Amino acid sequence: MRLLTRMEEILLISIWRLGDNAYGITIREEVDRVTGEEWPLGAVYPYLSRLHKGGYVRTITSRSTPERGGRHKILYRLTGAGQEALAEARQVNQRTWDGVSVVAFRKPA
C-alpha cells in the first residue's frame, strides 16, 4: 500500500468525521477548519478524484432537491481501503515522532 500525502490524509479524516454529510463544500469547510487556512474548492476536487480512483473513497449521488435547484450532491464515503490507509498513516506518523521531545518545539523568544 502506498503512503498517503498529508492532504489525502486530511481529506480522508474529514470525510470520516463528516459521515453522511461529506460532500465537496462540507469537506472543504472541514479542511479549512482543521488546517486554519482557506482552501479553494477547486483545490480539493483533484485530491478527491485521486482518492476515488485509488479506491480509498466511493461516491454516492444524492437525490436532487428543490433547495439546490434540482441539482444533486456527490457524497463521499470511506472504503475499507481508505480506513486501512488511514490506520497505516497514523502508525507511520507515530513512528516518525517517536523519540522527538516536545521541548524541542519551544516558541522562539
Protein backbone atom coordinates (compact mmCIF):
# COMPACT_ATOMS: atom_id res chain seq x y z
CA MET A 1 0.00 0.00 0.00
CA ARG A 2 1.35 3.45 -0.84
CA LEU A 3 1.67 6.18 1.77
CA LEU A 4 -0.93 8.91 1.70
CA THR A 5 0.06 12.51 1.15
CA ARG A 6 -0.73 14.81 4.07
CA MET A 7 -3.60 16.39 2.11
CA GLU A 8 -5.06 12.97 1.26
CA GLU A 9 -4.87 12.05 4.94
CA ILE A 10 -6.63 15.28 5.97
CA LEU A 11 -9.34 14.72 3.36
CA LEU A 12 -9.96 11.10 4.39
CA ILE A 13 -10.21 12.08 8.06
CA SER A 14 -12.58 14.92 7.13
CA ILE A 15 -14.78 12.54 5.13
CA TRP A 16 -14.81 10.08 8.04
CA ARG A 17 -15.66 12.84 10.51
CA LEU A 18 -18.47 14.28 8.34
CA GLY A 19 -20.15 10.90 7.83
CA ASP A 20 -23.40 11.24 5.85
CA ASN A 21 -22.74 14.94 5.24
CA ALA A 22 -19.45 14.55 3.33
CA TYR A 23 -19.71 16.35 0.01
CA GLY A 24 -17.49 18.88 -1.72
CA ILE A 25 -18.37 22.04 0.19
CA THR A 26 -18.60 20.47 3.65
CA ILE A 27 -15.34 18.61 3.08
CA ARG A 28 -13.61 21.84 2.04
CA GLU A 29 -15.05 23.63 5.10
CA GLU A 30 -13.71 20.87 7.37
CA VAL A 31 -10.28 21.08 5.71
CA ASP A 32 -10.35 24.88 6.23
CA ARG A 33 -11.23 24.36 9.89
CA VAL A 34 -8.52 21.82 10.68
CA THR A 35 -5.73 23.48 8.69
CA GLY A 36 -6.62 27.05 9.68
CA GLU A 37 -6.36 28.09 6.04
CA GLU A 38 -8.95 28.73 3.36
CA TRP A 39 -8.74 26.22 0.53
CA PRO A 40 -10.32 26.98 -2.84
CA LEU A 41 -12.95 24.37 -3.67
CA GLY A 42 -11.14 23.69 -6.94
CA ALA A 43 -8.02 22.68 -5.00
CA VAL A 44 -9.88 19.93 -3.11
CA TYR A 45 -11.54 18.14 -6.05
CA PRO A 46 -8.35 16.78 -7.71
CA TYR A 47 -7.44 15.07 -4.41
CA LEU A 48 -10.98 13.68 -4.05
CA SER A 49 -10.77 12.35 -7.60
CA ARG A 50 -7.40 10.70 -6.88
CA LEU A 51 -8.76 9.13 -3.68
CA HIS A 52 -11.77 7.83 -5.61
CA LYS A 53 -9.63 6.38 -8.40
CA GLY A 54 -7.35 4.78 -5.80
CA GLY A 55 -10.31 3.06 -4.14
CA TYR A 56 -9.99 4.96 -0.84
CA VAL A 57 -13.43 6.56 -1.16
CA ARG A 58 -16.59 5.77 -3.03
CA THR A 59 -19.13 8.25 -4.29
CA ILE A 60 -22.89 8.28 -3.95
CA THR A 61 -25.17 10.58 -5.90
CA SER A 62 -27.85 12.09 -3.67
CA ARG A 63 -31.35 12.82 -4.79
CA SER A 64 -31.93 16.22 -6.31
CA THR A 65 -33.63 18.75 -4.06
CA PRO A 66 -35.65 21.89 -4.74
CA GLU A 67 -33.34 23.83 -2.37
CA ARG A 68 -30.46 23.09 -4.73
CA GLY A 69 -32.40 24.00 -7.85
CA GLY A 70 -32.96 20.34 -8.70
CA ARG A 71 -29.27 19.50 -8.52
CA HIS A 72 -27.87 16.52 -6.67
CA LYS A 73 -24.82 16.22 -4.41
CA ILE A 74 -21.90 13.87 -4.84
CA LEU A 75 -21.37 12.34 -1.39
CA TYR A 76 -18.10 10.70 -0.37
CA ARG A 77 -17.68 7.64 1.86
CA LEU A 78 -14.56 5.91 3.12
CA THR A 79 -13.94 2.41 1.83
CA GLY A 80 -12.17 -0.36 3.70
CA ALA A 81 -9.01 0.57 1.76
CA GLY A 82 -9.40 4.18 2.92
CA GLN A 83 -9.72 3.10 6.54
CA GLU A 84 -6.65 0.84 6.20
CA ALA A 85 -4.65 3.67 4.61
CA LEU A 86 -5.55 5.98 7.49
CA ALA A 87 -4.55 3.36 10.06
CA GLU A 88 -1.21 2.93 8.29
CA ALA A 89 -0.69 6.71 8.07
CA ARG A 90 -1.35 7.02 11.78
CA GLN A 91 1.20 4.30 12.58
CA VAL A 92 3.80 5.94 10.33
CA ASN A 93 3.17 9.32 11.98
CA GLN A 94 3.57 7.80 15.44
CA ARG A 95 6.80 6.02 14.49
CA THR A 96 8.11 9.19 12.85
CA TRP A 97 7.54 11.23 16.01
CA ASP A 98 8.91 8.58 18.39
CA GLY A 99 11.82 9.98 20.34
CA VAL A 100 11.19 13.61 19.43
CA SER A 101 10.96 15.77 22.52
CA VAL A 102 8.11 18.24 22.71
CA VAL A 103 10.56 20.58 24.42
CA ALA A 104 12.30 20.92 21.04
CA PHE A 105 9.26 22.87 19.84
CA ARG A 106 9.53 25.82 22.19
CA LYS A 107 8.39 29.09 20.71
CA PRO A 108 11.23 31.42 19.78
CA ALA A 109 11.74 34.35 22.15
